[in-house]
Amino acid sequence: MANYLETKDPSFKIRFAEKEDAPLILNFIKALAVYEKMEDEVVATEEILYDSIFVKNQAEVVFGEQNGQAVAFAVYFHSFSTFQGKACMYLEDVFVLPEARGNGYGKLMLACIAKIATDRGCGRMDWCCLDWNTSSIAFYKRMGAIPMDEWTIYRLTGDALPALAGELA
């Protein structure tokens, strides 16, 4: 049975993903990838998502539903700030379907993750945004987010990750 969070909009509720939602999670990831012009980069499968989210608990997912229909999702997980000495919330993805935009659902999704973060004692919430996505950048700034222009994101992927791991011993 779904666990719903009420919002200021009576037609929009947020619920935590359940095990049977792996196909829906993948559908949202694919829709986000199309929006971000990165559809060729999605290698996740329903099985991988099920294992990562519901077995290994490596991330959490919420869905925003308009009149019972999923129109938004967010994927998040904990990180840690050594300077604060506290957990942080990392928002991996937040996405509202194009046909549902303009109703304030993006703000409600961010508010939901912020609420979860504050309830869990997190010191901050972090996320990334593609530099060409000016509408999202403006939206995040309106929510009070501060761009961290002095930071550069690094990533190890493909053969580089196991190659570095192999340098340990």
N, C-alpha and C. Protein backbone atom coordinates (compact mmCIF):
# COMPACT_ATOMS: atom_id res chain seq x y z
N MET A 1 0.85 -1.19 0.00
CA MET A 1 0.00 0.00 0.00
C MET A 1 0.89 1.24 0.00
N ALA A 2 0.56 2.16 -0.86
CA ALA A 2 1.38 3.37 -1.03
C ALA A 2 1.31 4.27 0.19
N ASN A 3 2.44 4.87 0.50
CA ASN A 3 2.56 5.82 1.60
C ASN A 3 2.62 7.21 0.98
N TYR A 4 1.54 7.99 1.11
CA TYR A 4 1.43 9.29 0.45
C TYR A 4 1.77 10.44 1.39
N LEU A 5 2.40 11.46 0.81
CA LEU A 5 2.63 12.72 1.50
C LEU A 5 1.69 13.75 0.89
N GLU A 6 0.93 14.39 1.72
CA GLU A 6 0.03 15.44 1.23
C GLU A 6 0.86 16.68 0.88
N THR A 7 0.37 17.46 -0.07
CA THR A 7 1.02 18.71 -0.45
C THR A 7 0.01 19.84 -0.37
N LYS A 8 0.48 21.05 -0.65
CA LYS A 8 -0.41 22.21 -0.65
C LYS A 8 -1.44 22.14 -1.77
N ASP A 9 -1.17 21.34 -2.78
CA ASP A 9 -2.09 21.16 -3.91
C ASP A 9 -2.86 19.86 -3.69
N PRO A 10 -4.17 19.93 -3.46
CA PRO A 10 -4.93 18.71 -3.18
C PRO A 10 -4.95 17.70 -4.33
N SER A 11 -4.65 18.14 -5.55
CA SER A 11 -4.64 17.21 -6.68
C SER A 11 -3.27 16.55 -6.88
N PHE A 12 -2.28 16.96 -6.07
CA PHE A 12 -0.91 16.46 -6.23
C PHE A 12 -0.42 15.86 -4.92
N LYS A 13 -0.13 14.57 -4.96
CA LYS A 13 0.40 13.88 -3.78
C LYS A 13 1.73 13.24 -4.15
N ILE A 14 2.55 13.04 -3.16
CA ILE A 14 3.86 12.42 -3.36
C ILE A 14 3.89 11.11 -2.60
N ARG A 15 4.40 10.08 -3.27
CA ARG A 15 4.49 8.77 -2.62
C ARG A 15 5.88 8.18 -2.80
N PHE A 16 6.25 7.37 -1.84
CA PHE A 16 7.52 6.66 -1.91
C PHE A 16 7.39 5.49 -2.87
N ALA A 17 8.42 5.26 -3.65
CA ALA A 17 8.42 4.14 -4.60
C ALA A 17 8.37 2.82 -3.85
N GLU A 18 7.71 1.87 -4.47
CA GLU A 18 7.61 0.51 -3.94
C GLU A 18 8.27 -0.46 -4.92
N LYS A 19 8.50 -1.67 -4.48
CA LYS A 19 9.24 -2.65 -5.28
C LYS A 19 8.68 -2.83 -6.69
N GLU A 20 7.38 -2.78 -6.83
CA GLU A 20 6.77 -2.98 -8.15
C GLU A 20 6.91 -1.77 -9.06
N ASP A 21 7.54 -0.71 -8.57
CA ASP A 21 7.71 0.52 -9.35
C ASP A 21 8.98 0.54 -10.21
N ALA A 22 9.78 -0.51 -10.19
CA ALA A 22 11.02 -0.50 -10.98
C ALA A 22 10.77 -0.15 -12.45
N PRO A 23 9.72 -0.69 -13.11
CA PRO A 23 9.48 -0.30 -14.50
C PRO A 23 9.13 1.19 -14.64
N LEU A 24 8.39 1.73 -13.69
CA LEU A 24 8.02 3.15 -13.74
C LEU A 24 9.25 4.03 -13.51
N ILE A 25 10.11 3.62 -12.61
CA ILE A 25 11.36 4.36 -12.38
C ILE A 25 12.16 4.42 -13.68
N LEU A 26 12.30 3.28 -14.34
CA LEU A 26 13.05 3.23 -15.60
C LEU A 26 12.40 4.11 -16.66
N ASN A 27 11.08 4.12 -16.73
CA ASN A 27 10.40 4.98 -17.70
C ASN A 27 10.71 6.45 -17.45
N PHE A 28 10.72 6.87 -16.19
CA PHE A 28 11.05 8.26 -15.87
C PHE A 28 12.51 8.56 -16.19
N ILE A 29 13.40 7.63 -15.90
CA ILE A 29 14.82 7.84 -16.23
C ILE A 29 14.98 8.02 -17.73
N LYS A 30 14.30 7.21 -18.52
CA LYS A 30 14.39 7.34 -19.98
C LYS A 30 13.80 8.66 -20.46
N ALA A 31 12.70 9.09 -19.86
CA ALA A 31 12.11 10.39 -20.24
C ALA A 31 13.05 11.53 -19.88
N LEU A 32 13.68 11.45 -18.72
CA LEU A 32 14.66 12.46 -18.32
C LEU A 32 15.84 12.47 -19.29
N ALA A 33 16.30 11.29 -19.67
CA ALA A 33 17.44 11.19 -20.58
C ALA A 33 17.13 11.82 -21.94
N VAL A 34 15.92 11.66 -22.42
CA VAL A 34 15.51 12.30 -23.67
C VAL A 34 15.56 13.81 -23.49
N TYR A 35 15.00 14.31 -22.40
CA TYR A 35 15.00 15.75 -22.11
C TYR A 35 16.43 16.30 -22.05
N GLU A 36 17.32 15.54 -21.44
CA GLU A 36 18.71 15.99 -21.27
C GLU A 36 19.60 15.66 -22.47
N LYS A 37 18.98 15.12 -23.53
CA LYS A 37 19.71 14.76 -24.76
C LYS A 37 20.80 13.73 -24.46
N MET A 38 20.48 12.77 -23.60
CA MET A 38 21.46 11.76 -23.18
C MET A 38 20.86 10.35 -23.24
N GLU A 39 19.86 10.14 -24.10
CA GLU A 39 19.16 8.85 -24.09
C GLU A 39 20.07 7.67 -24.39
N ASP A 40 21.16 7.89 -25.12
CA ASP A 40 22.09 6.79 -25.43
C ASP A 40 22.93 6.37 -24.23
N GLU A 41 22.89 7.15 -23.16
CA GLU A 41 23.72 6.84 -21.99
C GLU A 41 23.01 5.97 -20.95
N VAL A 42 21.72 5.75 -21.10
CA VAL A 42 20.98 4.95 -20.11
C VAL A 42 21.29 3.47 -20.32
N VAL A 43 21.91 2.87 -19.32
CA VAL A 43 22.18 1.43 -19.34
C VAL A 43 21.41 0.71 -18.22
N ALA A 44 20.74 1.47 -17.38
CA ALA A 44 19.95 0.88 -16.29
C ALA A 44 18.85 -0.01 -16.87
N THR A 45 18.57 -1.08 -16.14
CA THR A 45 17.45 -1.96 -16.47
C THR A 45 16.54 -2.03 -15.25
N GLU A 46 15.37 -2.59 -15.43
CA GLU A 46 14.47 -2.78 -14.28
C GLU A 46 15.16 -3.62 -13.21
N GLU A 47 15.90 -4.64 -13.62
CA GLU A 47 16.56 -5.53 -12.67
C GLU A 47 17.65 -4.79 -11.89
N ILE A 48 18.45 -4.01 -12.59
CA ILE A 48 19.51 -3.24 -11.93
C ILE A 48 18.89 -2.26 -10.94
N LEU A 49 17.85 -1.55 -11.36
CA LEU A 49 17.20 -0.57 -10.48
C LEU A 49 16.58 -1.25 -9.27
N TYR A 50 15.91 -2.37 -9.48
CA TYR A 50 15.30 -3.11 -8.37
C TYR A 50 16.37 -3.48 -7.35
N ASP A 51 17.47 -4.04 -7.82
CA ASP A 51 18.54 -4.47 -6.92
C ASP A 51 19.17 -3.27 -6.20
N SER A 52 19.46 -2.22 -6.93
CA SER A 52 20.14 -1.05 -6.34
C SER A 52 19.26 -0.30 -5.35
N ILE A 53 17.98 -0.15 -5.69
CA ILE A 53 17.08 0.67 -4.86
C ILE A 53 16.39 -0.13 -3.76
N PHE A 54 15.89 -1.31 -4.10
CA PHE A 54 15.05 -2.04 -3.15
C PHE A 54 15.76 -3.17 -2.41
N VAL A 55 16.89 -3.64 -2.92
CA VAL A 55 17.64 -4.69 -2.24
C VAL A 55 18.83 -4.08 -1.49
N LYS A 56 19.65 -3.32 -2.20
CA LYS A 56 20.86 -2.73 -1.60
C LYS A 56 20.60 -1.38 -0.94
N ASN A 57 19.42 -0.81 -1.15
CA ASN A 57 19.04 0.48 -0.56
C ASN A 57 20.07 1.58 -0.84
N GLN A 58 20.56 1.63 -2.08
CA GLN A 58 21.57 2.61 -2.44
C GLN A 58 20.98 3.97 -2.81
N ALA A 59 19.69 4.03 -3.03
CA ALA A 59 19.00 5.28 -3.34
C ALA A 59 17.54 5.12 -2.99
N GLU A 60 16.84 6.25 -2.95
CA GLU A 60 15.40 6.25 -2.70
C GLU A 60 14.72 7.02 -3.82
N VAL A 61 13.45 6.74 -4.02
CA VAL A 61 12.69 7.37 -5.10
C VAL A 61 11.32 7.78 -4.58
N VAL A 62 10.88 8.96 -4.99
CA VAL A 62 9.51 9.37 -4.74
C VAL A 62 8.88 9.74 -6.08
N PHE A 63 7.57 9.56 -6.16
CA PHE A 63 6.80 9.95 -7.33
C PHE A 63 5.81 11.03 -6.95
N GLY A 64 5.65 12.00 -7.82
CA GLY A 64 4.60 12.99 -7.67
C GLY A 64 3.43 12.56 -8.54
N GLU A 65 2.25 12.49 -7.95
CA GLU A 65 1.07 12.05 -8.69
C GLU A 65 0.03 13.15 -8.77
N GLN A 66 -0.42 13.41 -9.98
CA GLN A 66 -1.51 14.35 -10.22
C GLN A 66 -2.76 13.52 -10.44
N ASN A 67 -3.71 13.65 -9.54
CA ASN A 67 -4.95 12.88 -9.61
C ASN A 67 -4.68 11.39 -9.81
N GLY A 68 -3.69 10.86 -9.09
CA GLY A 68 -3.39 9.43 -9.11
C GLY A 68 -2.47 8.97 -10.22
N GLN A 69 -2.05 9.87 -11.10
CA GLN A 69 -1.16 9.52 -12.22
C GLN A 69 0.24 10.08 -11.96
N ALA A 70 1.26 9.25 -12.04
CA ALA A 70 2.64 9.70 -11.81
C ALA A 70 3.05 10.67 -12.91
N VAL A 71 3.44 11.90 -12.50
CA VAL A 71 3.86 12.93 -13.46
C VAL A 71 5.23 13.50 -13.11
N ALA A 72 5.82 13.04 -12.00
CA ALA A 72 7.12 13.54 -11.57
C ALA A 72 7.81 12.46 -10.75
N PHE A 73 9.14 12.55 -10.71
CA PHE A 73 9.88 11.65 -9.83
C PHE A 73 11.15 12.33 -9.36
N ALA A 74 11.68 11.82 -8.26
CA ALA A 74 12.96 12.29 -7.74
C ALA A 74 13.71 11.09 -7.18
N VAL A 75 15.02 11.08 -7.43
CA VAL A 75 15.91 10.04 -6.92
C VAL A 75 16.93 10.73 -6.03
N TYR A 76 17.13 10.21 -4.83
CA TYR A 76 18.02 10.86 -3.87
C TYR A 76 18.70 9.83 -2.99
N PHE A 77 19.79 10.25 -2.36
CA PHE A 77 20.52 9.38 -1.44
C PHE A 77 21.35 10.24 -0.51
N HIS A 78 21.88 9.62 0.53
CA HIS A 78 22.69 10.34 1.51
C HIS A 78 24.14 10.40 1.08
N SER A 79 24.75 11.54 1.34
CA SER A 79 26.19 11.70 1.25
C SER A 79 26.62 12.25 2.61
N PHE A 80 27.84 12.73 2.73
CA PHE A 80 28.31 13.20 4.03
C PHE A 80 29.21 14.41 3.86
N SER A 81 29.03 15.39 4.73
CA SER A 81 29.89 16.57 4.76
C SER A 81 30.85 16.44 5.93
N THR A 82 32.13 16.32 5.63
CA THR A 82 33.12 16.25 6.71
C THR A 82 33.20 17.59 7.43
N PHE A 83 33.04 18.69 6.72
CA PHE A 83 33.12 20.00 7.35
C PHE A 83 31.96 20.23 8.31
N GLN A 84 30.77 19.77 7.95
CA GLN A 84 29.62 19.91 8.84
C GLN A 84 29.54 18.78 9.85
N GLY A 85 30.17 17.66 9.53
CA GLY A 85 30.08 16.49 10.39
C GLY A 85 28.70 15.87 10.37
N LYS A 86 27.98 16.06 9.26
CA LYS A 86 26.60 15.59 9.15
C LYS A 86 26.35 14.96 7.79
N ALA A 87 25.30 14.16 7.77
CA ALA A 87 24.82 13.63 6.49
C ALA A 87 24.29 14.79 5.65
N CYS A 88 24.35 14.59 4.35
CA CYS A 88 23.76 15.52 3.38
C CYS A 88 22.80 14.72 2.53
N MET A 89 21.92 15.41 1.86
CA MET A 89 21.04 14.74 0.91
C MET A 89 21.52 15.11 -0.48
N TYR A 90 21.74 14.11 -1.32
CA TYR A 90 22.11 14.36 -2.71
C TYR A 90 20.92 14.02 -3.59
N LEU A 91 20.47 15.00 -4.33
CA LEU A 91 19.36 14.83 -5.27
C LEU A 91 19.96 14.45 -6.61
N GLU A 92 19.85 13.20 -6.97
CA GLU A 92 20.42 12.72 -8.23
C GLU A 92 19.60 13.22 -9.42
N ASP A 93 18.29 13.09 -9.32
CA ASP A 93 17.42 13.52 -10.41
C ASP A 93 16.09 14.00 -9.86
N VAL A 94 15.57 15.03 -10.47
CA VAL A 94 14.19 15.43 -10.27
C VAL A 94 13.66 15.78 -11.65
N PHE A 95 12.46 15.28 -11.96
CA PHE A 95 11.94 15.46 -13.32
C PHE A 95 10.42 15.48 -13.27
N VAL A 96 9.87 16.47 -13.95
CA VAL A 96 8.42 16.59 -14.12
C VAL A 96 8.14 16.41 -15.60
N LEU A 97 7.20 15.55 -15.93
CA LEU A 97 6.85 15.34 -17.33
C LEU A 97 6.45 16.66 -17.97
N PRO A 98 6.83 16.88 -19.23
CA PRO A 98 6.55 18.16 -19.89
C PRO A 98 5.08 18.59 -19.82
N GLU A 99 4.17 17.65 -19.96
CA GLU A 99 2.75 18.00 -19.96
C GLU A 99 2.23 18.41 -18.58
N ALA A 100 3.02 18.17 -17.53
CA ALA A 100 2.59 18.53 -16.17
C ALA A 100 3.32 19.75 -15.63
N ARG A 101 4.19 20.34 -16.42
CA ARG A 101 4.96 21.50 -15.95
C ARG A 101 4.09 22.74 -15.87
N GLY A 102 4.55 23.68 -15.05
CA GLY A 102 3.83 24.94 -14.89
C GLY A 102 2.77 24.92 -13.80
N ASN A 103 2.71 23.82 -13.05
CA ASN A 103 1.73 23.69 -11.98
C ASN A 103 2.34 23.78 -10.59
N GLY A 104 3.65 24.00 -10.51
CA GLY A 104 4.32 24.07 -9.21
C GLY A 104 4.77 22.72 -8.69
N TYR A 105 4.70 21.68 -9.52
CA TYR A 105 5.06 20.34 -9.05
C TYR A 105 6.56 20.19 -8.82
N GLY A 106 7.37 20.86 -9.62
CA GLY A 106 8.81 20.81 -9.40
C GLY A 106 9.18 21.35 -8.03
N LYS A 107 8.56 22.47 -7.66
CA LYS A 107 8.81 23.05 -6.34
C LYS A 107 8.35 22.11 -5.24
N LEU A 108 7.22 21.46 -5.43
CA LEU A 108 6.72 20.53 -4.42
C LEU A 108 7.65 19.31 -4.31
N MET A 109 8.20 18.85 -5.42
CA MET A 109 9.14 17.72 -5.37
C MET A 109 10.41 18.11 -4.62
N LEU A 110 10.94 19.31 -4.91
CA LEU A 110 12.12 19.78 -4.18
C LEU A 110 11.80 19.96 -2.70
N ALA A 111 10.63 20.49 -2.41
CA ALA A 111 10.22 20.68 -1.01
C ALA A 111 10.13 19.34 -0.29
N CYS A 112 9.67 18.32 -0.99
CA CYS A 112 9.58 16.98 -0.41
C CYS A 112 10.97 16.46 -0.02
N ILE A 113 11.93 16.58 -0.93
CA ILE A 113 13.28 16.09 -0.63
C ILE A 113 13.91 16.93 0.48
N ALA A 114 13.66 18.24 0.46
CA ALA A 114 14.17 19.11 1.53
C ALA A 114 13.57 18.71 2.88
N LYS A 115 12.29 18.35 2.89
CA LYS A 115 11.63 17.91 4.13
C LYS A 115 12.24 16.61 4.63
N ILE A 116 12.45 15.66 3.73
CA ILE A 116 13.08 14.40 4.11
C ILE A 116 14.47 14.68 4.68
N ALA A 117 15.22 15.56 4.01
CA ALA A 117 16.58 15.90 4.46
C ALA A 117 16.56 16.53 5.85
N THR A 118 15.67 17.48 6.08
CA THR A 118 15.63 18.13 7.39
C THR A 118 15.13 17.16 8.47
N ASP A 119 14.16 16.33 8.13
CA ASP A 119 13.68 15.33 9.10
C ASP A 119 14.78 14.36 9.51
N ARG A 120 15.72 14.11 8.61
CA ARG A 120 16.81 13.18 8.88
C ARG A 120 18.06 13.87 9.42
N GLY A 121 17.97 15.16 9.67
CA GLY A 121 19.08 15.89 10.25
C GLY A 121 20.21 16.22 9.28
N CYS A 122 19.91 16.22 8.01
CA CYS A 122 20.95 16.54 7.01
C CYS A 122 21.32 18.01 7.10
N GLY A 123 22.59 18.29 6.87
CA GLY A 123 23.08 19.66 6.94
C GLY A 123 22.88 20.47 5.67
N ARG A 124 22.67 19.78 4.56
CA ARG A 124 22.46 20.47 3.30
C ARG A 124 21.92 19.49 2.27
N MET A 125 21.54 20.06 1.12
CA MET A 125 21.06 19.28 -0.01
C MET A 125 21.84 19.74 -1.24
N ASP A 126 22.39 18.80 -1.97
CA ASP A 126 23.20 19.11 -3.14
C ASP A 126 22.61 18.44 -4.38
N TRP A 127 22.88 19.03 -5.55
CA TRP A 127 22.55 18.40 -6.82
C TRP A 127 23.31 19.11 -7.92
N CYS A 128 23.29 18.52 -9.09
CA CYS A 128 23.95 19.09 -10.27
C CYS A 128 22.88 19.45 -11.30
N CYS A 129 23.25 20.37 -12.16
CA CYS A 129 22.36 20.76 -13.25
C CYS A 129 23.23 21.00 -14.49
N LEU A 130 22.78 20.51 -15.62
CA LEU A 130 23.51 20.75 -16.86
C LEU A 130 23.59 22.24 -17.15
N ASP A 131 24.75 22.70 -17.58
CA ASP A 131 24.96 24.14 -17.74
C ASP A 131 24.09 24.77 -18.82
N TRP A 132 23.60 24.00 -19.77
CA TRP A 132 22.73 24.55 -20.82
C TRP A 132 21.28 24.66 -20.38
N ASN A 133 20.94 24.07 -19.24
CA ASN A 133 19.54 24.01 -18.79
C ASN A 133 19.19 25.29 -18.02
N THR A 134 19.11 26.39 -18.73
CA THR A 134 18.92 27.69 -18.10
C THR A 134 17.59 27.82 -17.37
N SER A 135 16.55 27.15 -17.86
CA SER A 135 15.27 27.25 -17.16
C SER A 135 15.34 26.58 -15.79
N SER A 136 16.02 25.44 -15.70
CA SER A 136 16.17 24.77 -14.40
C SER A 136 17.09 25.57 -13.49
N ILE A 137 18.16 26.14 -14.05
CA ILE A 137 19.07 26.96 -13.24
C ILE A 137 18.31 28.12 -12.61
N ALA A 138 17.49 28.80 -13.40
CA ALA A 138 16.69 29.92 -12.88
C ALA A 138 15.71 29.43 -11.82
N PHE A 139 15.08 28.28 -12.06
CA PHE A 139 14.15 27.69 -11.10
C PHE A 139 14.84 27.40 -9.78
N TYR A 140 16.00 26.76 -9.83
CA TYR A 140 16.72 26.42 -8.60
C TYR A 140 17.13 27.67 -7.83
N LYS A 141 17.54 28.69 -8.53
CA LYS A 141 17.91 29.94 -7.86
C LYS A 141 16.69 30.57 -7.18
N ARG A 142 15.52 30.47 -7.81
CA ARG A 142 14.29 30.99 -7.18
C ARG A 142 13.96 30.24 -5.89
N MET A 143 14.38 28.97 -5.81
CA MET A 143 14.14 28.16 -4.61
C MET A 143 15.15 28.48 -3.51
N GLY A 144 16.14 29.32 -3.81
CA GLY A 144 17.15 29.67 -2.83
C GLY A 144 18.46 28.91 -2.97
N ALA A 145 18.58 28.09 -4.01
CA ALA A 145 19.81 27.33 -4.23
C ALA A 145 20.92 28.25 -4.73
N ILE A 146 22.13 27.92 -4.34
CA ILE A 146 23.31 28.70 -4.71
C ILE A 146 24.19 27.85 -5.62
N PRO A 147 24.52 28.34 -6.82
CA PRO A 147 25.43 27.57 -7.68
C PRO A 147 26.84 27.52 -7.08
N MET A 148 27.45 26.38 -7.14
CA MET A 148 28.79 26.19 -6.58
C MET A 148 29.81 26.29 -7.71
N ASP A 149 29.95 27.47 -8.27
CA ASP A 149 30.78 27.69 -9.45
C ASP A 149 32.25 27.39 -9.22
N GLU A 150 32.69 27.40 -7.97
CA GLU A 150 34.10 27.17 -7.69
C GLU A 150 34.47 25.69 -7.67
N TRP A 151 33.49 24.81 -7.84
CA TRP A 151 33.73 23.37 -7.81
C TRP A 151 33.68 22.79 -9.22
N THR A 152 34.48 21.78 -9.46
CA THR A 152 34.45 21.01 -10.70
C THR A 152 34.12 19.57 -10.34
N ILE A 153 33.17 18.98 -11.03
CA ILE A 153 32.78 17.60 -10.77
C ILE A 153 33.71 16.67 -11.53
N TYR A 154 34.20 15.64 -10.85
CA TYR A 154 35.03 14.62 -11.48
C TYR A 154 34.29 13.29 -11.45
N ARG A 155 34.59 12.45 -12.43
CA ARG A 155 33.91 11.16 -12.52
C ARG A 155 34.89 10.10 -13.02
N LEU A 156 34.87 8.95 -12.36
CA LEU A 156 35.57 7.76 -12.86
C LEU A 156 34.50 6.81 -13.37
N THR A 157 34.63 6.37 -14.60
CA THR A 157 33.65 5.47 -15.18
C THR A 157 34.34 4.55 -16.18
N GLY A 158 33.61 3.58 -16.69
CA GLY A 158 34.20 2.66 -17.66
C GLY A 158 35.40 1.93 -17.07
N ASP A 159 36.45 1.80 -17.85
CA ASP A 159 37.65 1.08 -17.42
C ASP A 159 38.45 1.83 -16.36
N ALA A 160 38.26 3.15 -16.27
CA ALA A 160 39.05 3.94 -15.33
C ALA A 160 38.77 3.57 -13.87
N LEU A 161 37.52 3.24 -13.55
CA LEU A 161 37.18 2.91 -12.16
C LEU A 161 37.87 1.62 -11.69
N PRO A 162 37.70 0.49 -12.39
CA PRO A 162 38.40 -0.71 -11.93
C PRO A 162 39.92 -0.59 -12.07
N ALA A 163 40.40 0.20 -13.02
CA ALA A 163 41.85 0.38 -13.16
C ALA A 163 42.42 1.05 -11.92
N LEU A 164 41.75 2.09 -11.43
CA LEU A 164 42.21 2.75 -10.22
C LEU A 164 42.08 1.82 -9.02
N ALA A 165 40.97 1.09 -8.93
CA ALA A 165 40.78 0.14 -7.83
C ALA A 165 41.90 -0.89 -7.81
N GLY A 166 42.38 -1.27 -8.98
CA GLY A 166 43.46 -2.25 -9.09
C GLY A 166 44.80 -1.74 -8.60
N GLU A 167 44.91 -0.44 -8.40
CA GLU A 167 46.15 0.15 -7.92
C GLU A 167 46.33 -0.01 -6.41
N LEU A 168 45.29 -0.48 -5.71
CA LEU A 168 45.35 -0.59 -4.25
C LEU A 168 46.40 -1.61 -3.80
N ALA A 169 46.37 -2.79 -4.38
CA ALA A 169 47.29 -3.84 -3.91
C ALA A 169 47.95 -4.54 -5.08
